[in-house]
Protein backbone atom coordinates (compact mmCIF):
# COMPACT_ATOMS: atom_id res chain seq x y z
CA MET A 1 -24.94 -4.56 7.20
CA ILE A 2 -21.16 -4.28 7.24
CA GLY A 3 -18.75 -1.91 8.97
CA ILE A 4 -15.83 -0.33 7.13
CA ASP A 5 -12.84 1.26 8.81
CA PHE A 6 -11.66 3.12 5.69
CA GLY A 7 -8.27 4.06 7.06
CA THR A 8 -5.49 6.21 5.67
CA SER A 9 -3.11 3.24 5.64
CA ASN A 10 -5.37 0.19 5.88
CA THR A 11 -9.01 -0.78 5.39
CA VAL A 12 -10.71 -3.24 7.76
CA VAL A 13 -14.23 -4.64 7.26
CA THR A 14 -16.58 -6.35 9.72
CA HIS A 15 -20.01 -7.96 9.66
CA ARG A 16 -22.39 -9.55 12.14
CA GLY A 17 -21.70 -13.25 11.97
CA LEU A 18 -22.80 -16.30 13.94
CA HIS A 19 -20.60 -15.36 16.87
CA GLY A 20 -21.17 -11.60 16.93
CA ILE A 21 -19.16 -8.96 15.10
CA GLU A 22 -16.48 -10.64 13.01
CA LEU A 23 -13.70 -9.48 10.72
CA VAL A 24 -14.19 -10.07 6.99
CA ARG A 25 -11.18 -11.65 5.27
CA LEU A 26 -10.56 -9.57 2.16
CA ASP A 27 -7.35 -11.17 0.92
CA PRO A 28 -5.45 -14.45 1.41
CA LEU A 29 -2.56 -12.43 2.88
CA SER A 30 -4.58 -10.58 5.53
CA GLU A 31 -8.08 -9.83 6.76
CA GLY A 32 -7.66 -6.11 6.07
CA LEU A 33 -6.17 -4.40 3.04
CA PRO A 34 -3.58 -1.67 2.52
CA THR A 35 -5.51 1.38 1.32
CA LEU A 36 -3.71 1.47 -2.02
CA LEU A 37 -5.08 1.93 -5.54
CA TYR A 38 -3.09 1.10 -8.66
CA VAL A 39 -4.31 2.28 -12.07
CA ASP A 40 -2.61 1.71 -15.42
CA HIS A 41 -3.14 3.52 -18.72
CA LYS A 42 -5.85 1.01 -19.68
CA HIS A 43 -7.65 1.83 -16.42
CA GLN A 44 -7.08 -1.63 -15.02
CA ILE A 45 -7.60 -1.40 -11.27
CA ARG A 46 -5.75 -3.17 -8.49
CA ILE A 47 -6.22 -2.51 -4.77
CA GLY A 48 -4.52 -3.55 -1.55
CA HIS A 49 -1.73 -6.12 -1.77
CA GLU A 50 -2.41 -6.57 -5.48
CA ALA A 51 -1.87 -2.83 -5.99
CA ARG A 52 1.44 -3.03 -4.15
CA ARG A 53 2.62 -5.93 -6.31
CA ALA A 54 1.53 -4.21 -9.56
CA TYR A 55 3.29 -1.03 -8.47
CA GLY A 56 6.51 -2.89 -7.70
CA GLU A 57 6.58 -4.48 -11.15
CA ALA A 58 5.68 -1.24 -12.94
CA ALA A 59 8.26 0.78 -11.00
CA ARG A 60 11.00 -1.69 -11.91
CA ASN A 61 10.11 -1.29 -15.58
CA ALA A 62 9.55 2.48 -15.46
CA GLY A 63 12.72 3.24 -17.34
CA ALA A 64 12.13 0.66 -20.05
CA GLY A 65 9.53 2.54 -22.06
CA ARG A 66 6.61 0.76 -20.44
CA ALA A 67 3.11 2.26 -20.25
CA PRO A 68 2.43 4.81 -17.49
CA PHE A 69 0.84 3.93 -14.18
CA ARG A 70 -0.28 5.61 -10.98
CA LEU A 71 -0.28 4.44 -7.39
CA PHE A 72 -2.64 6.29 -5.08
CA GLN A 73 -2.03 6.19 -1.34
CA ALA A 74 -3.60 8.17 1.51
CA LEU A 75 -6.88 8.35 -0.44
CA LYS A 76 -8.74 9.24 2.73
CA LEU A 77 -6.46 12.21 3.40
CA ALA A 78 -6.96 13.44 -0.14
CA LEU A 79 -10.74 13.12 0.13
CA LYS A 80 -10.79 15.27 3.26
CA ASP A 81 -8.64 17.95 1.61
CA PRO A 82 -10.97 20.60 0.11
CA GLY A 83 -8.07 21.84 -2.01
CA ILE A 84 -7.99 18.63 -4.05
CA VAL A 85 -10.93 18.55 -6.45
CA SER A 86 -9.58 16.58 -9.40
CA THR A 87 -6.34 15.44 -10.94
CA ASN A 88 -4.98 14.77 -14.40
CA LEU A 89 -4.79 11.05 -15.05
CA PHE A 90 -3.22 9.98 -18.36
CA GLY A 91 -4.35 13.18 -20.01
CA THR A 92 -7.89 13.26 -18.59
CA GLN A 93 -9.04 15.36 -15.64
CA VAL A 94 -10.74 13.03 -13.16
CA ARG A 95 -12.68 14.06 -10.06
CA LEU A 96 -11.27 12.79 -6.81
CA GLU A 97 -14.55 11.18 -5.74
CA LYS A 98 -14.43 9.02 -8.87
CA ILE A 99 -10.87 7.91 -8.19
CA VAL A 100 -11.74 6.94 -4.61
CA ALA A 101 -14.83 5.16 -5.96
CA TRP A 102 -12.56 2.90 -8.05
CA TYR A 103 -10.94 1.69 -4.85
CA LEU A 104 -14.27 1.33 -3.06
CA ALA A 105 -15.91 -0.52 -5.98
CA ALA A 106 -13.13 -3.11 -5.96
CA LEU A 107 -13.50 -3.32 -2.17
CA ARG A 108 -17.27 -3.82 -2.54
CA GLU A 109 -16.67 -6.77 -4.89
CA LYS A 110 -14.37 -8.39 -2.33
CA ILE A 111 -16.97 -7.91 0.41
CA GLN A 112 -19.74 -9.40 -1.74
CA SER A 113 -17.60 -12.48 -2.35
CA ALA A 114 -16.85 -12.87 1.35
CA VAL A 115 -20.32 -12.04 2.75
CA PRO A 116 -23.04 -13.74 0.66
CA GLY A 117 -26.38 -11.98 0.80
CA TRP A 118 -24.97 -8.63 1.86
CA ASP A 119 -27.38 -5.85 0.86
CA GLY A 120 -24.73 -3.24 -0.03
CA ALA A 121 -25.30 -1.05 3.05
CA ALA A 122 -22.30 0.11 5.08
CA ILE A 123 -21.46 1.88 8.33
CA VAL A 124 -18.21 3.76 7.80
CA GLY A 125 -15.83 5.25 10.32
CA ARG A 126 -14.84 8.88 9.84
CA PRO A 127 -12.49 11.24 11.67
CA VAL A 128 -14.10 13.47 14.28
CA GLU A 129 -13.03 16.58 12.39
CA LEU A 130 -12.91 16.68 8.61
CA SER A 131 -12.69 20.46 8.88
CA PRO A 132 -12.85 22.92 11.80
CA ASP A 133 -15.50 24.77 9.78
CA ALA A 134 -18.85 23.01 10.30
CA ALA A 135 -20.13 23.86 6.81
CA VAL A 136 -16.94 22.58 5.16
CA ASP A 137 -17.07 19.47 7.37
CA ARG A 138 -20.56 18.70 6.02
CA GLN A 139 -19.39 19.23 2.44
CA LEU A 140 -16.43 16.89 2.96
CA GLN A 141 -18.63 14.19 4.47
CA SER A 142 -20.81 14.46 1.38
CA ARG A 143 -17.71 13.73 -0.71
CA PHE A 144 -17.24 10.49 1.20
CA GLU A 145 -20.90 9.66 0.67
CA GLU A 146 -20.68 10.36 -3.05
CA ALA A 147 -17.59 8.15 -3.44
CA PHE A 148 -19.38 5.23 -1.75
CA HIS A 149 -22.52 5.70 -3.84
CA LEU A 150 -20.48 5.93 -7.07
CA ALA A 151 -18.86 2.64 -6.01
CA GLY A 152 -22.25 0.93 -5.87
CA PHE A 153 -22.96 0.91 -2.14
CA THR A 154 -26.72 1.09 -1.55
CA SER A 155 -26.47 3.25 1.57
CA VAL A 156 -23.78 4.63 3.85
CA SER A 157 -23.87 6.08 7.36
CA PHE A 158 -21.04 7.26 9.58
CA VAL A 159 -19.67 6.80 13.09
CA PHE A 160 -16.81 8.77 14.61
CA GLU A 161 -13.82 6.44 14.70
CA PRO A 162 -12.87 6.88 18.39
CA VAL A 163 -16.53 6.40 19.35
CA ALA A 164 -16.48 3.03 17.57
CA ALA A 165 -13.27 2.13 19.41
CA ALA A 166 -14.93 3.09 22.71
CA VAL A 167 -18.03 0.98 22.01
CA GLU A 168 -15.78 -2.01 21.27
CA LEU A 169 -14.67 -1.75 24.93
CA VAL A 170 -18.17 -2.22 26.36
CA GLY A 171 -18.14 -5.18 28.72
CA SER A 172 -14.37 -5.11 29.24
CA VAL A 173 -13.86 -1.84 31.17
CA GLU A 174 -16.04 0.50 33.22
CA GLY A 175 -15.79 4.09 34.36
CA LYS A 176 -14.41 7.25 32.77
CA VAL A 177 -12.44 6.21 29.69
CA LEU A 178 -10.32 8.26 27.30
CA VAL A 179 -9.79 6.73 23.84
CA PHE A 180 -6.62 7.93 22.08
CA ASP A 181 -7.08 6.99 18.42
CA PHE A 182 -3.85 7.79 16.56
CA GLY A 183 -3.79 6.41 13.03
CA GLY A 184 -2.09 7.17 9.75
CA GLY A 185 -3.94 10.38 9.00
CA THR A 186 -5.64 11.79 12.09
CA LEU A 187 -5.57 11.87 15.87
CA ASP A 188 -9.00 11.61 17.53
CA VAL A 189 -9.78 11.56 21.23
CA SER A 190 -13.09 10.56 22.83
CA ALA A 191 -14.13 10.86 26.46
CA ALA A 192 -16.58 8.07 27.24
CA GLU A 193 -18.37 6.78 30.33
CA LEU A 194 -18.82 3.02 30.33
CA THR A 195 -21.07 1.03 32.58
CA GLN A 196 -21.73 -2.70 32.51
CA GLY A 197 -23.31 -3.02 29.08
CA GLY A 198 -23.80 0.71 28.51
CA ILE A 199 -21.90 3.72 27.16
CA THR A 200 -22.25 7.47 26.71
CA VAL A 201 -19.75 9.54 24.75
CA PRO A 202 -20.05 13.20 25.78
CA VAL A 203 -16.98 14.50 23.94
CA SER A 204 -14.99 13.72 20.79
CA VAL A 205 -12.28 15.96 19.32
CA GLY A 206 -9.79 15.51 16.50
CA ARG A 207 -7.19 17.10 14.29
CA ASP A 208 -5.02 16.44 11.24
CA LEU A 209 -2.15 14.66 12.94
CA GLY A 210 -1.15 11.13 12.01
CA GLY A 211 1.65 8.79 11.13
CA TYR A 212 1.97 10.24 7.65
CA LEU A 213 2.98 13.58 9.14
CA LEU A 214 5.66 11.89 11.25
CA ASP A 215 7.06 10.27 8.10
CA GLU A 216 7.00 13.60 6.27
CA ASP A 217 8.73 15.32 9.21
CA LEU A 218 11.50 12.72 9.08
CA ALA A 219 11.83 13.12 5.31
CA ARG A 220 11.93 16.90 5.58
CA LEU A 221 14.68 16.95 8.20
CA ARG A 222 16.87 14.05 7.05
CA ILE A 223 16.10 13.14 3.43
CA GLN A 224 15.12 16.23 1.48
CA SER A 225 18.66 17.64 1.32
CA HIS A 226 19.80 14.57 -0.64
CA PHE A 227 17.50 15.69 -3.46
CA GLY A 228 18.73 19.27 -3.71
CA HIS A 229 16.89 21.01 -0.89
CA GLY A 230 18.96 23.97 0.29
CA GLY A 231 21.16 23.70 -2.81
CA ARG A 232 22.44 26.69 -4.71
CA LEU A 233 21.89 27.97 -8.23
CA LYS A 234 24.34 30.23 -10.05
CA THR A 235 22.52 32.00 -12.84
CA LEU A 236 24.03 33.31 -16.05
CA ALA A 237 23.34 36.79 -14.72
CA GLY A 238 25.61 36.10 -11.75
CA GLN A 239 22.87 35.67 -9.15
CA ASN A 240 23.30 33.17 -6.31
CA LEU A 241 19.88 31.65 -5.60
CA GLU A 242 18.45 28.71 -3.64
CA VAL A 243 16.75 25.78 -5.35
CA PRO A 244 12.99 26.49 -5.07
CA HIS A 245 11.44 24.68 -2.11
CA GLU A 246 8.37 23.72 -4.17
CA VAL A 247 10.68 21.61 -6.33
CA THR A 248 12.48 19.66 -3.62
CA GLY A 249 9.32 19.44 -1.52
CA GLN A 250 8.07 16.68 -3.82
CA VAL A 251 10.04 14.08 -1.85
CA VAL A 252 8.18 14.81 1.38
CA ARG A 253 4.62 14.77 0.00
CA PHE A 254 3.32 11.25 0.34
CA LYS A 255 -0.26 12.20 -0.50
CA VAL A 256 0.55 12.52 -4.22
CA LEU A 257 -2.49 13.33 -6.36
CA PRO A 258 -2.04 16.64 -8.26
CA PHE A 259 -0.09 15.12 -11.15
CA GLU A 260 -0.31 18.31 -13.20
CA GLU A 261 1.90 19.96 -10.57
CA ILE A 262 4.37 17.08 -10.76
CA ARG A 263 4.50 17.39 -14.54
CA ARG A 264 5.26 21.10 -14.19
CA ILE A 265 8.03 20.38 -11.69
CA LYS A 266 9.53 17.73 -13.99
CA ARG A 267 9.64 20.25 -16.83
CA LEU A 268 11.31 22.80 -14.55
CA ILE A 269 14.06 20.60 -13.10
CA PRO A 270 16.17 20.31 -16.32
CA GLU A 271 16.32 24.12 -16.45
CA LEU A 272 17.48 24.21 -12.83
CA ILE A 273 20.11 21.52 -13.42
CA VAL A 274 21.90 23.82 -15.85
CA GLU A 275 22.44 26.38 -13.09
CA ALA A 276 22.74 24.04 -10.11
CA VAL A 277 25.98 23.80 -8.17
CA ASP A 278 25.18 20.17 -7.25
CA LYS A 279 23.59 18.82 -10.41
CA GLU A 280 23.46 15.15 -9.39
CA LYS A 281 20.97 15.75 -6.59
CA LEU A 282 18.51 17.39 -8.95
CA ARG A 283 19.09 14.67 -11.52
CA GLY A 284 18.20 12.23 -8.77
CA LEU A 285 15.04 14.18 -7.98
CA LEU A 286 13.99 14.15 -11.63
CA SER A 287 14.56 10.40 -11.85
CA PHE A 288 12.68 9.93 -8.53
CA LEU A 289 9.63 11.66 -10.01
CA GLU A 290 9.84 10.00 -13.42
CA LYS A 291 9.95 6.55 -11.83
CA ASN A 292 7.09 7.26 -9.38
CA LEU A 293 9.22 6.32 -6.37
CA THR A 294 7.24 8.25 -3.76
CA TYR A 295 5.68 5.13 -2.27
CA ASP A 296 9.07 3.37 -2.14
CA LEU A 297 10.52 6.21 -0.07
CA TYR A 298 7.45 6.31 2.16
CA GLN A 299 7.82 2.58 2.91
CA VAL A 300 11.50 2.98 3.82
CA LEU A 301 10.75 5.88 6.17
CA ASP A 302 7.73 4.19 7.72
CA GLU A 303 9.73 1.03 8.39
CA ALA A 304 12.44 3.13 10.04
CA LYS A 305 9.83 4.84 12.21
CA ILE A 306 8.49 1.46 13.29
CA ARG A 307 11.98 0.15 14.11
CA LEU A 308 12.60 3.20 16.29
CA SER A 309 9.78 1.99 18.54
CA THR A 310 11.87 -1.00 19.64
CA GLU A 311 15.48 -0.17 18.67
CA SER A 312 17.89 2.62 19.61
CA SER A 313 18.48 3.62 16.01
CA ALA A 314 17.37 2.88 12.45
CA LEU A 315 19.12 3.15 9.12
CA VAL A 316 17.27 4.89 6.30
CA ALA A 317 18.79 3.58 3.08
CA PHE A 318 17.44 4.72 -0.27
CA SER A 319 18.89 5.12 -3.73
CA VAL A 320 18.00 6.52 -7.14
CA PRO A 321 20.82 5.13 -9.28
CA PRO A 322 23.14 6.50 -10.43
CA HIS A 323 22.45 9.90 -8.92
CA VAL A 324 21.50 9.50 -5.26
CA GLU A 325 22.65 6.99 -2.66
CA LEU A 326 21.73 7.89 0.91
CA ARG A 327 22.27 6.13 4.21
CA GLU A 328 20.97 8.11 7.17
CA LYS A 329 21.26 6.71 10.67
CA VAL A 330 18.50 8.11 12.86
CA THR A 331 18.65 7.64 16.62
CA VAL A 332 15.67 7.67 18.98
CA PRO A 333 16.68 11.05 20.54
CA GLU A 334 17.01 12.54 17.05
CA PHE A 335 13.64 11.23 15.96
CA GLU A 336 11.97 12.39 19.15
CA ALA A 337 13.42 15.88 18.64
CA ILE A 338 11.99 15.91 15.11
CA ILE A 339 8.48 14.93 16.24
CA ALA A 340 8.45 16.93 19.48
CA PRO A 341 6.03 19.56 18.07
CA ARG A 342 3.61 16.76 17.12
CA VAL A 343 3.74 15.35 20.66
CA GLU A 344 2.86 18.79 22.00
CA GLU A 345 -0.07 18.98 19.56
CA ALA A 346 -1.29 15.60 20.80
CA GLN A 347 -1.07 16.73 24.43
CA ASN A 348 -3.06 19.86 23.65
CA LEU A 349 -5.80 17.76 22.00
CA VAL A 350 -6.01 15.41 25.00
CA LEU A 351 -6.30 18.38 27.37
CA GLN A 352 -8.96 19.91 25.10
CA ALA A 353 -11.02 16.73 25.33
CA LEU A 354 -10.73 16.72 29.13
CA GLU A 355 -11.72 20.37 29.36
CA LYS A 356 -14.80 19.84 27.18
CA ALA A 357 -15.80 16.80 29.24
CA GLY A 358 -15.24 18.68 32.51
CA TRP A 359 -12.80 16.03 33.68
CA THR A 360 -9.41 16.29 35.34
CA THR A 361 -6.60 13.89 34.52
CA ASP A 362 -7.07 12.26 37.95
CA GLN A 363 -10.72 11.44 37.19
CA VAL A 364 -9.86 9.38 34.09
CA GLU A 365 -9.84 5.71 35.08
CA HIS A 366 -8.70 4.12 31.82
CA VAL A 367 -6.81 5.43 28.78
CA ILE A 368 -7.02 3.16 25.76
CA ARG A 369 -4.78 3.78 22.79
CA VAL A 370 -5.65 2.43 19.34
CA GLY A 371 -4.22 2.93 15.87
CA GLY A 372 -0.77 2.02 14.61
CA SER A 373 0.78 5.41 15.38
CA SER A 374 -0.20 5.09 19.05
CA GLN A 375 2.73 2.68 19.40
CA VAL A 376 5.32 5.44 18.89
CA PRO A 377 7.10 5.59 22.30
CA ALA A 378 7.05 9.39 22.54
CA PHE A 379 3.24 9.38 22.49
CA VAL A 380 3.05 6.43 24.87
CA ALA A 381 5.30 8.39 27.26
CA LEU A 382 3.06 11.44 26.90
CA LEU A 383 -0.02 9.48 27.93
CA GLU A 384 1.76 7.63 30.73
CA GLY A 385 2.94 10.97 32.08
CA LEU A 386 -0.58 12.40 32.09
CA PHE A 387 -2.30 9.22 33.32
CA PRO A 388 0.28 7.15 35.22
CA GLY A 389 -0.62 3.48 35.54
CA ARG A 390 -3.89 3.80 33.62
CA LEU A 391 -2.72 3.39 30.02
CA THR A 392 -3.60 0.25 28.05
CA ALA A 393 -3.07 -0.77 24.43
CA GLY A 394 -6.48 -1.57 22.99
CA ASN A 395 -7.28 -3.48 19.84
CA LEU A 396 -4.79 -1.39 17.87
CA PHE A 397 -5.76 -2.23 14.30
CA ASP A 398 -9.25 -3.76 14.44
CA GLY A 399 -10.95 -1.99 17.34
CA ILE A 400 -12.58 0.73 15.25
CA ALA A 401 -13.94 -1.70 12.68
CA LEU A 402 -15.31 -4.03 15.37
CA GLY A 403 -17.14 -1.17 17.07
CA LEU A 404 -18.81 0.41 14.04
CA ILE A 405 -21.93 -1.75 13.82
CA PRO A 406 -22.58 -1.81 17.61
CA ALA A 407 -22.05 1.97 17.79
CA SER A 408 -24.60 2.53 15.05
CA GLU A 409 -27.06 0.16 16.70
CA ARG A 410 -26.69 2.11 19.96
CA GLY A 411 -27.62 5.34 18.18
CA LEU A 412 -24.08 6.76 18.35
CA GLY A 413 -23.72 7.47 14.64
CA VAL A 414 -23.02 10.87 13.10
CA SER A 415 -26.15 12.92 12.53
CA SER A 416 -27.39 12.97 8.93
CA LEU A 417 -26.43 15.99 6.85
C-alpha cells in the first residue's frame, strides 16, 4: 500500500517501510515531483522535473518551426472542474481523465521502481470539497478514480487531505486542534481532537482557494494590462471599443487545458491588431500564446509571491521579445491589498469550521498550518490574530502524504461512492 498526495503543484508519495511511514524518492532531484505533464506531437510523455526540462527546451525552439508540444499544469484543478470534459490535443479530442492518467501512469512506473513488490493499490488525498453539490462531488471523485484505474492502479481509496495532516500529528500534540491546509489549489480546514495515540475528526470544510488564485490575482491586477487589457479599438465604422476581456484574460489563466479556445483567440487577435490603438501589446499576447509561455509567466509570478513572504518588495520581470518588456515592482502592502478578499474568504472558512464543531476560538489549543500557501504572511497574521500564541507550522509539504496510510488504517477514509 502506498499513499499519494496528488497535489495541484507537487505530488508526494509514501509507503510503510522498516521505520514506519516513509517518503518515496521519485526523482534524483527531490523525493516529490512537480505535478507537471509534458506531451509532444508523438505522444512522448514526461512528468515532473523531466517535464519542466522538456518544456524549457521546446519553448526556446517554439519559433523555429519545431513540432508542437503541450505542458499541463494544475491537473488536479482541471479534474475537479466539471466544465472541463475534454480538450483538443494535436487535432484529436482527448478526455481529461485520459490526460491525467498519462501523468499517473508515469508516476506509477516510478513508484514500482522505488517500491519493489508494491501491489498497485493507493490511498490518495483529496480536497474536502470537490463541489458544494453532493451529487456533483461524487461524480468528480469518480473522475479521479477513473484516472487512477486508467493509469494501471489496482485499487484507489481516498482520505480528506487535512484529515491526513491531522493524523500525522498523533503523538506530537494533544487537545483541540485546527488544521489549516492551504495548498496550491484548495484551502481545507479540519477540527480534530487528539489524545495520546488517538484522534477523532468531527468537522472538515473546504473551498476553491489556493496559491494559484493568488498568482492569478497578481497577474490580473499588475500584468494583464501589459498584454492589451483595457486597451482601445477604433473600428472602421468609427466606434471606440475595448479589447475583449476574454482575449486578454488568457494571461491570467494558469490552468490551461481548453486548447480549442486558445486557437480561437489566436485567430481573433490579428483582426483586433488592425483596429488596436496599442498594437504591440496584442502582438505580444499573440506571441505569448503561440510560444506556450503560460507556465513561464506563472513561475515568475509564483517566485515573486514567495519572495514577498520574506522581503519588502519583489520585481516581476517578464518579456515577450520584441513586443512586451515589463518590470513591475510589487510591495508587500500592494500585494496584501490585492489578496485581501482571499484572506477574508479564509477567515470565513475557519469560522465555519469552528461553528460546525461547536468550538470557540478560545477553546482551540493548537492551530497547525500545512501547505506551501500557508506561508504567505497575510494568512499567518490572520491565524495569529484569531488564535494568538497557538499557531505552529506543521510539516508543510509532506504532512498530508505521511498521514494518508495511518488515516486509512484508523478508518478515517472517505466513504465509498
